[in-house]
């Protein structure tokens, strides 16, 4: 849910830069990988780091949004 909110917020404030889009797609890739592990082997030792990386990427999107709002680009 937070991913959708941050994506819409970045779009609304014109903060969807190339970096934000790459981070968002990496988050989507981590969710797909997490799902694949969950429905196949369900190995927690593999699933937990994938989930943690996804959380970090989501957090990075929120940081990018906060930076864009706090320090808007001048050009």
PDB file of N, CA and C in Angstrom:
ATOM      1  N   UNK A   1       0.821  -1.178   0.000  1.00  0.00           N
ATOM      2  CA  UNK A   1       0.000   0.000   0.000  1.00  0.00           C
ATOM      3  C   UNK A   1       0.879   1.262   0.000  1.00  0.00           C
ATOM      4  N   UNK A   2       1.934   1.250   0.817  1.00  0.00           N
ATOM      5  CA  UNK A   2       2.812   2.419   0.875  1.00  0.00           C
ATOM      6  C   UNK A   2       3.523   2.668  -0.456  1.00  0.00           C
ATOM      7  N   UNK A   3       3.783   1.597  -1.182  1.00  0.00           N
ATOM      8  CA  UNK A   3       4.430   1.738  -2.488  1.00  0.00           C
ATOM      9  C   UNK A   3       3.539   2.521  -3.446  1.00  0.00           C
ATOM     10  N   UNK A   4       2.252   2.187  -3.475  1.00  0.00           N
ATOM     11  CA  UNK A   4       1.334   2.892  -4.366  1.00  0.00           C
ATOM     12  C   UNK A   4       1.209   4.361  -3.976  1.00  0.00           C
ATOM     13  N   UNK A   5       1.171   4.625  -2.698  1.00  0.00           N
ATOM     14  CA  UNK A   5       1.051   6.007  -2.220  1.00  0.00           C
ATOM     15  C   UNK A   5       2.271   6.824  -2.624  1.00  0.00           C
ATOM     16  N   UNK A   6       3.459   6.260  -2.416  1.00  0.00           N
ATOM     17  CA  UNK A   6       4.668   7.021  -2.735  1.00  0.00           C
ATOM     18  C   UNK A   6       4.805   7.214  -4.246  1.00  0.00           C
ATOM     19  N   UNK A   7       4.406   6.224  -5.035  1.00  0.00           N
ATOM     20  CA  UNK A   7       4.469   6.390  -6.492  1.00  0.00           C
ATOM     21  C   UNK A   7       3.529   7.491  -6.960  1.00  0.00           C
ATOM     22  N   UNK A   8       2.308   7.493  -6.445  1.00  0.00           N
ATOM     23  CA  UNK A   8       1.360   8.547  -6.822  1.00  0.00           C
ATOM     24  C   UNK A   8       1.820   9.915  -6.329  1.00  0.00           C
ATOM     25  N   UNK A   9       2.413   9.961  -5.131  1.00  0.00           N
ATOM     26  CA  UNK A   9       2.903  11.234  -4.603  1.00  0.00           C
ATOM     27  C   UNK A   9       4.067  11.752  -5.440  1.00  0.00           C
ATOM     28  N   UNK A  10       4.980  10.869  -5.816  1.00  0.00           N
ATOM     29  CA  UNK A  10       6.093  11.296  -6.676  1.00  0.00           C
ATOM     30  C   UNK A  10       5.589  11.811  -8.013  1.00  0.00           C
ATOM     31  N   UNK A  11       4.587  11.156  -8.554  1.00  0.00           N
ATOM     32  CA  UNK A  11       4.008  11.607  -9.815  1.00  0.00           C
ATOM     33  C   UNK A  11       3.321  12.967  -9.646  1.00  0.00           C
ATOM     34  N   UNK A  12       2.612  13.144  -8.535  1.00  0.00           N
ATOM     35  CA  UNK A  12       1.857  14.376  -8.319  1.00  0.00           C
ATOM     36  C   UNK A  12       2.764  15.586  -8.147  1.00  0.00           C
ATOM     37  N   UNK A  13       3.925  15.393  -7.516  1.00  0.00           N
ATOM     38  CA  UNK A  13       4.828  16.525  -7.290  1.00  0.00           C
ATOM     39  C   UNK A  13       5.931  16.596  -8.340  1.00  0.00           C
ATOM     40  N   UNK A  14       5.748  15.829  -9.433  1.00  0.00           N
ATOM     41  CA  UNK A  14       6.710  15.799 -10.528  1.00  0.00           C
ATOM     42  C   UNK A  14       8.098  15.354 -10.050  1.00  0.00           C
ATOM     43  N   UNK A  15       8.117  14.367  -9.165  1.00  0.00           N
ATOM     44  CA  UNK A  15       9.379  13.860  -8.641  1.00  0.00           C
ATOM     45  C   UNK A  15       9.747  12.494  -9.183  1.00  0.00           C
ATOM     46  N   UNK A  16       9.061  12.055 -10.234  1.00  0.00           N
ATOM     47  CA  UNK A  16       9.333  10.740 -10.817  1.00  0.00           C
ATOM     48  C   UNK A  16      10.550  10.830 -11.735  1.00  0.00           C
ATOM     49  N   UNK A  17      11.710  10.934 -11.113  1.00  0.00           N
ATOM     50  CA  UNK A  17      12.959  11.012 -11.866  1.00  0.00           C
ATOM     51  C   UNK A  17      13.371   9.616 -12.318  1.00  0.00           C
ATOM     52  N   UNK A  18      14.436   9.554 -13.092  1.00  0.00           N
ATOM     53  CA  UNK A  18      14.938   8.264 -13.555  1.00  0.00           C
ATOM     54  C   UNK A  18      15.349   7.394 -12.369  1.00  0.00           C
ATOM     55  N   UNK A  19      15.970   7.986 -11.370  1.00  0.00           N
ATOM     56  CA  UNK A  19      16.375   7.232 -10.182  1.00  0.00           C
ATOM     57  C   UNK A  19      15.165   6.654  -9.460  1.00  0.00           C
ATOM     58  N   UNK A  20      14.122   7.436  -9.310  1.00  0.00           N
ATOM     59  CA  UNK A  20      12.917   6.968  -8.630  1.00  0.00           C
ATOM     60  C   UNK A  20      12.255   5.830  -9.406  1.00  0.00           C
ATOM     61  N   UNK A  21      12.240   5.931 -10.707  1.00  0.00           N
ATOM     62  CA  UNK A  21      11.637   4.881 -11.528  1.00  0.00           C
ATOM     63  C   UNK A  21      12.453   3.593 -11.438  1.00  0.00           C
ATOM     64  N   UNK A  22      13.773   3.703 -11.449  1.00  0.00           N
ATOM     65  CA  UNK A  22      14.626   2.520 -11.324  1.00  0.00           C
ATOM     66  C   UNK A  22      14.436   1.860  -9.966  1.00  0.00           C
ATOM     67  N   UNK A  23      14.387   2.655  -8.906  1.00  0.00           N
ATOM     68  CA  UNK A  23      14.180   2.110  -7.561  1.00  0.00           C
ATOM     69  C   UNK A  23      12.810   1.447  -7.468  1.00  0.00           C
ATOM     70  N   UNK A  24      11.802   2.048  -8.070  1.00  0.00           N
ATOM     71  CA  UNK A  24      10.456   1.472  -8.039  1.00  0.00           C
ATOM     72  C   UNK A  24      10.423   0.127  -8.762  1.00  0.00           C
ATOM     73  N   UNK A  25      11.077   0.030  -9.914  1.00  0.00           N
ATOM     74  CA  UNK A  25      11.109  -1.243 -10.634  1.00  0.00           C
ATOM     75  C   UNK A  25      11.914  -2.292  -9.883  1.00  0.00           C
ATOM     76  N   UNK A  26      12.947  -1.878  -9.197  1.00  0.00           N
ATOM     77  CA  UNK A  26      13.699  -2.825  -8.361  1.00  0.00           C
ATOM     78  C   UNK A  26      12.825  -3.347  -7.226  1.00  0.00           C
ATOM     79  N   UNK A  27      11.996  -2.478  -6.655  1.00  0.00           N
ATOM     80  CA  UNK A  27      11.054  -2.909  -5.621  1.00  0.00           C
ATOM     81  C   UNK A  27      10.087  -3.946  -6.188  1.00  0.00           C
ATOM     82  N   UNK A  28       9.569  -3.690  -7.380  1.00  0.00           N
ATOM     83  CA  UNK A  28       8.652  -4.635  -8.011  1.00  0.00           C
ATOM     84  C   UNK A  28       9.347  -5.974  -8.251  1.00  0.00           C
ATOM     85  N   UNK A  29      10.594  -5.930  -8.679  1.00  0.00           N
ATOM     86  CA  UNK A  29      11.358  -7.171  -8.897  1.00  0.00           C
ATOM     87  C   UNK A  29      11.528  -7.940  -7.587  1.00  0.00           C
ATOM     88  N   UNK A  30      11.761  -7.228  -6.490  1.00  0.00           N
ATOM     89  CA  UNK A  30      11.899  -7.892  -5.194  1.00  0.00           C
ATOM     90  C   UNK A  30      10.579  -8.525  -4.751  1.00  0.00           C
ATOM     91  N   UNK A  31       9.467  -7.869  -5.025  1.00  0.00           N
ATOM     92  CA  UNK A  31       8.167  -8.448  -4.678  1.00  0.00           C
ATOM     93  C   UNK A  31       7.890  -9.702  -5.493  1.00  0.00           C
ATOM     94  N   UNK A  32       8.272  -9.683  -6.772  1.00  0.00           N
ATOM     95  CA  UNK A  32       8.099 -10.868  -7.610  1.00  0.00           C
ATOM     96  C   UNK A  32       8.979 -12.000  -7.108  1.00  0.00           C
ATOM     97  N   UNK A  33      10.233 -11.682  -6.780  1.00  0.00           N
ATOM     98  CA  UNK A  33      11.141 -12.704  -6.258  1.00  0.00           C
ATOM     99  C   UNK A  33      10.624 -13.264  -4.935  1.00  0.00           C
ATOM    100  N   UNK A  34      10.116 -12.397  -4.080  1.00  0.00           N
ATOM    101  CA  UNK A  34       9.565 -12.839  -2.793  1.00  0.00           C
ATOM    102  C   UNK A  34       8.379 -13.779  -3.021  1.00  0.00           C
ATOM    103  N   UNK A  35       7.529 -13.436  -3.955  1.00  0.00           N
ATOM    104  CA  UNK A  35       6.373 -14.273  -4.257  1.00  0.00           C
ATOM    105  C   UNK A  35       6.799 -15.622  -4.812  1.00  0.00           C
ATOM    106  N   UNK A  36       7.769 -15.621  -5.712  1.00  0.00           N
ATOM    107  CA  UNK A  36       8.240 -16.880  -6.291  1.00  0.00           C
ATOM    108  C   UNK A  36       8.820 -17.803  -5.229  1.00  0.00           C
ATOM    109  N   UNK A  37       9.603 -17.245  -4.317  1.00  0.00           N
ATOM    110  CA  UNK A  37      10.153 -18.067  -3.242  1.00  0.00           C
ATOM    111  C   UNK A  37       9.031 -18.562  -2.340  1.00  0.00           C
ATOM    112  N   UNK A  38       8.079 -17.709  -2.072  1.00  0.00           N
ATOM    113  CA  UNK A  38       6.976 -18.071  -1.166  1.00  0.00           C
ATOM    114  C   UNK A  38       6.134 -19.217  -1.717  1.00  0.00           C
ATOM    115  N   UNK A  39       5.849 -19.200  -3.009  1.00  0.00           N
ATOM    116  CA  UNK A  39       4.981 -20.233  -3.573  1.00  0.00           C
ATOM    117  C   UNK A  39       5.728 -21.479  -4.017  1.00  0.00           C
ATOM    118  N   UNK A  40       7.057 -21.433  -4.050  1.00  0.00           N
ATOM    119  CA  UNK A  40       7.812 -22.630  -4.442  1.00  0.00           C
ATOM    120  C   UNK A  40       8.432 -23.291  -3.215  1.00  0.00           C
ATOM    121  N   UNK A  41       9.632 -22.876  -2.843  1.00  0.00           N
ATOM    122  CA  UNK A  41      10.347 -23.549  -1.752  1.00  0.00           C
ATOM    123  C   UNK A  41       9.931 -23.053  -0.380  1.00  0.00           C
ATOM    124  N   UNK A  42       9.507 -21.806  -0.291  1.00  0.00           N
ATOM    125  CA  UNK A  42       9.110 -21.180   0.971  1.00  0.00           C
ATOM    126  C   UNK A  42      10.228 -21.234   2.016  1.00  0.00           C
ATOM    127  N   UNK A  43      11.447 -21.019   1.564  1.00  0.00           N
ATOM    128  CA  UNK A  43      12.598 -21.019   2.461  1.00  0.00           C
ATOM    129  C   UNK A  43      12.750 -19.623   3.069  1.00  0.00           C
ATOM    130  N   UNK A  44      12.598 -19.569   4.372  1.00  0.00           N
ATOM    131  CA  UNK A  44      12.641 -18.295   5.076  1.00  0.00           C
ATOM    132  C   UNK A  44      14.019 -17.647   4.987  1.00  0.00           C
ATOM    133  N   UNK A  45      15.063 -18.457   4.965  1.00  0.00           N
ATOM    134  CA  UNK A  45      16.416 -17.904   4.868  1.00  0.00           C
ATOM    135  C   UNK A  45      16.631 -17.161   3.556  1.00  0.00           C
ATOM    136  N   UNK A  46      15.900 -17.521   2.540  1.00  0.00           N
ATOM    137  CA  UNK A  46      15.991 -16.832   1.255  1.00  0.00           C
ATOM    138  C   UNK A  46      14.955 -15.717   1.155  1.00  0.00           C
ATOM    139  N   UNK A  47      13.785 -15.971   1.694  1.00  0.00           N
ATOM    140  CA  UNK A  47      12.682 -15.014   1.577  1.00  0.00           C
ATOM    141  C   UNK A  47      12.904 -13.760   2.416  1.00  0.00           C
ATOM    142  N   UNK A  48      13.472 -13.911   3.603  1.00  0.00           N
ATOM    143  CA  UNK A  48      13.636 -12.771   4.505  1.00  0.00           C
ATOM    144  C   UNK A  48      14.551 -11.677   3.947  1.00  0.00           C
ATOM    145  N   UNK A  49      15.726 -12.010   3.389  1.00  0.00           N
ATOM    146  CA  UNK A  49      16.549 -10.936   2.819  1.00  0.00           C
ATOM    147  C   UNK A  49      15.899 -10.245   1.622  1.00  0.00           C
ATOM    148  N   UNK A  50      15.166 -11.005   0.825  1.00  0.00           N
ATOM    149  CA  UNK A  50      14.472 -10.400  -0.316  1.00  0.00           C
ATOM    150  C   UNK A  50      13.441  -9.399   0.180  1.00  0.00           C
ATOM    151  N   UNK A  51      12.707  -9.776   1.222  1.00  0.00           N
ATOM    152  CA  UNK A  51      11.718  -8.871   1.800  1.00  0.00           C
ATOM    153  C   UNK A  51      12.394  -7.628   2.379  1.00  0.00           C
ATOM    154  N   UNK A  52      13.524  -7.808   3.059  1.00  0.00           N
ATOM    155  CA  UNK A  52      14.242  -6.680   3.656  1.00  0.00           C
ATOM    156  C   UNK A  52      14.750  -5.711   2.587  1.00  0.00           C
ATOM    157  N   UNK A  53      15.239  -6.253   1.487  1.00  0.00           N
ATOM    158  CA  UNK A  53      15.702  -5.393   0.391  1.00  0.00           C
ATOM    159  C   UNK A  53      14.524  -4.605  -0.180  1.00  0.00           C
ATOM    160  N   UNK A  54      13.368  -5.258  -0.315  1.00  0.00           N
ATOM    161  CA  UNK A  54      12.171  -4.566  -0.797  1.00  0.00           C
ATOM    162  C   UNK A  54      11.756  -3.443   0.133  1.00  0.00           C
ATOM    163  N   UNK A  55      11.830  -3.697   1.432  1.00  0.00           N
ATOM    164  CA  UNK A  55      11.497  -2.645   2.410  1.00  0.00           C
ATOM    165  C   UNK A  55      12.472  -1.477   2.304  1.00  0.00           C
ATOM    166  N   UNK A  56      13.744  -1.784   2.132  1.00  0.00           N
ATOM    167  CA  UNK A  56      14.751  -0.727   1.990  1.00  0.00           C
ATOM    168  C   UNK A  56      14.504   0.097   0.727  1.00  0.00           C
ATOM    169  N   UNK A  57      14.143  -0.562  -0.354  1.00  0.00           N
ATOM    170  CA  UNK A  57      13.858   0.160  -1.600  1.00  0.00           C
ATOM    171  C   UNK A  57      12.628   1.045  -1.452  1.00  0.00           C
ATOM    172  N   UNK A  58      11.614   0.548  -0.759  1.00  0.00           N
ATOM    173  CA  UNK A  58      10.421   1.364  -0.506  1.00  0.00           C
ATOM    174  C   UNK A  58      10.787   2.572   0.351  1.00  0.00           C
ATOM    175  N   UNK A  59      11.604   2.352   1.357  1.00  0.00           N
ATOM    176  CA  UNK A  59      12.075   3.462   2.189  1.00  0.00           C
ATOM    177  C   UNK A  59      12.861   4.478   1.382  1.00  0.00           C
ATOM    178  N   UNK A  60      13.651   3.984   0.425  1.00  0.00           N
ATOM    179  CA  UNK A  60      14.421   4.889  -0.424  1.00  0.00           C
ATOM    180  C   UNK A  60      13.493   5.761  -1.269  1.00  0.00           C
ATOM    181  N   UNK A  61      12.388   5.189  -1.735  1.00  0.00           N
ATOM    182  CA  UNK A  61      11.425   5.991  -2.488  1.00  0.00           C
ATOM    183  C   UNK A  61      10.838   7.103  -1.621  1.00  0.00           C
ATOM    184  N   UNK A  62      10.536   6.785  -0.358  1.00  0.00           N
ATOM    185  CA  UNK A  62      10.010   7.806   0.549  1.00  0.00           C
ATOM    186  C   UNK A  62      11.048   8.890   0.818  1.00  0.00           C
ATOM    187  N   UNK A  63      12.310   8.506   0.921  1.00  0.00           N
ATOM    188  CA  UNK A  63      13.381   9.494   1.111  1.00  0.00           C
ATOM    189  C   UNK A  63      13.506  10.384  -0.122  1.00  0.00           C
ATOM    190  N   UNK A  64      13.424   9.778  -1.301  1.00  0.00           N
ATOM    191  CA  UNK A  64      13.469  10.578  -2.531  1.00  0.00           C
ATOM    192  C   UNK A  64      12.308  11.559  -2.595  1.00  0.00           C
ATOM    193  N   UNK A  65      11.135  11.129  -2.172  1.00  0.00           N
ATOM    194  CA  UNK A  65       9.977  12.036  -2.135  1.00  0.00           C
ATOM    195  C   UNK A  65      10.211  13.173  -1.155  1.00  0.00           C
ATOM    196  N   UNK A  66      10.700  12.859   0.033  1.00  0.00           N
ATOM    197  CA  UNK A  66      10.951  13.894   1.046  1.00  0.00           C
ATOM    198  C   UNK A  66      12.004  14.884   0.558  1.00  0.00           C
ATOM    199  N   UNK A  67      13.049  14.371  -0.091  1.00  0.00           N
ATOM    200  CA  UNK A  67      14.080  15.269  -0.617  1.00  0.00           C
ATOM    201  C   UNK A  67      13.538  16.152  -1.731  1.00  0.00           C
ATOM    202  N   UNK A  68      12.692  15.591  -2.559  1.00  0.00           N
ATOM    203  CA  UNK A  68      12.128  16.380  -3.664  1.00  0.00           C
ATOM    204  C   UNK A  68      11.222  17.491  -3.125  1.00  0.00           C
ATOM    205  N   UNK A  69      10.480  17.188  -2.077  1.00  0.00           N
ATOM    206  CA  UNK A  69       9.619  18.214  -1.504  1.00  0.00           C
ATOM    207  C   UNK A  69      10.424  19.246  -0.736  1.00  0.00           C
ATOM    208  N   UNK A  70      11.445  18.812   0.006  1.00  0.00           N
ATOM    209  CA  UNK A  70      12.246  19.726   0.825  1.00  0.00           C
ATOM    210  C   UNK A  70      13.168  20.593  -0.026  1.00  0.00           C
ATOM    211  N   UNK A  71      13.758  20.009  -1.054  1.00  0.00           N
ATOM    212  CA  UNK A  71      14.697  20.733  -1.901  1.00  0.00           C
ATOM    213  C   UNK A  71      14.243  20.570  -3.352  1.00  0.00           C
ATOM    214  N   UNK A  72      13.288  21.370  -3.793  1.00  0.00           N
ATOM    215  CA  UNK A  72      12.804  21.220  -5.165  1.00  0.00           C
ATOM    216  C   UNK A  72      13.888  21.609  -6.178  1.00  0.00           C
ATOM    217  N   UNK A  73      13.890  20.978  -7.333  1.00  0.00           N
ATOM    218  CA  UNK A  73      14.886  21.331  -8.348  1.00  0.00           C
ATOM    219  C   UNK A  73      14.662  22.749  -8.849  1.00  0.00           C
ATOM    220  N   UNK A  74      15.742  23.430  -9.159  1.00  0.00           N
ATOM    221  CA  UNK A  74      15.654  24.835  -9.571  1.00  0.00           C
ATOM    222  C   UNK A  74      15.434  24.975 -11.072  1.00  0.00           C
ATOM    223  N   UNK A  75      15.819  24.002 -11.843  1.00  0.00           N
ATOM    224  CA  UNK A  75      15.711  24.150 -13.301  1.00  0.00           C
ATOM    225  C   UNK A  75      14.427  23.670 -13.833  1.00  0.00           C
TER     226      UNK A  75
END
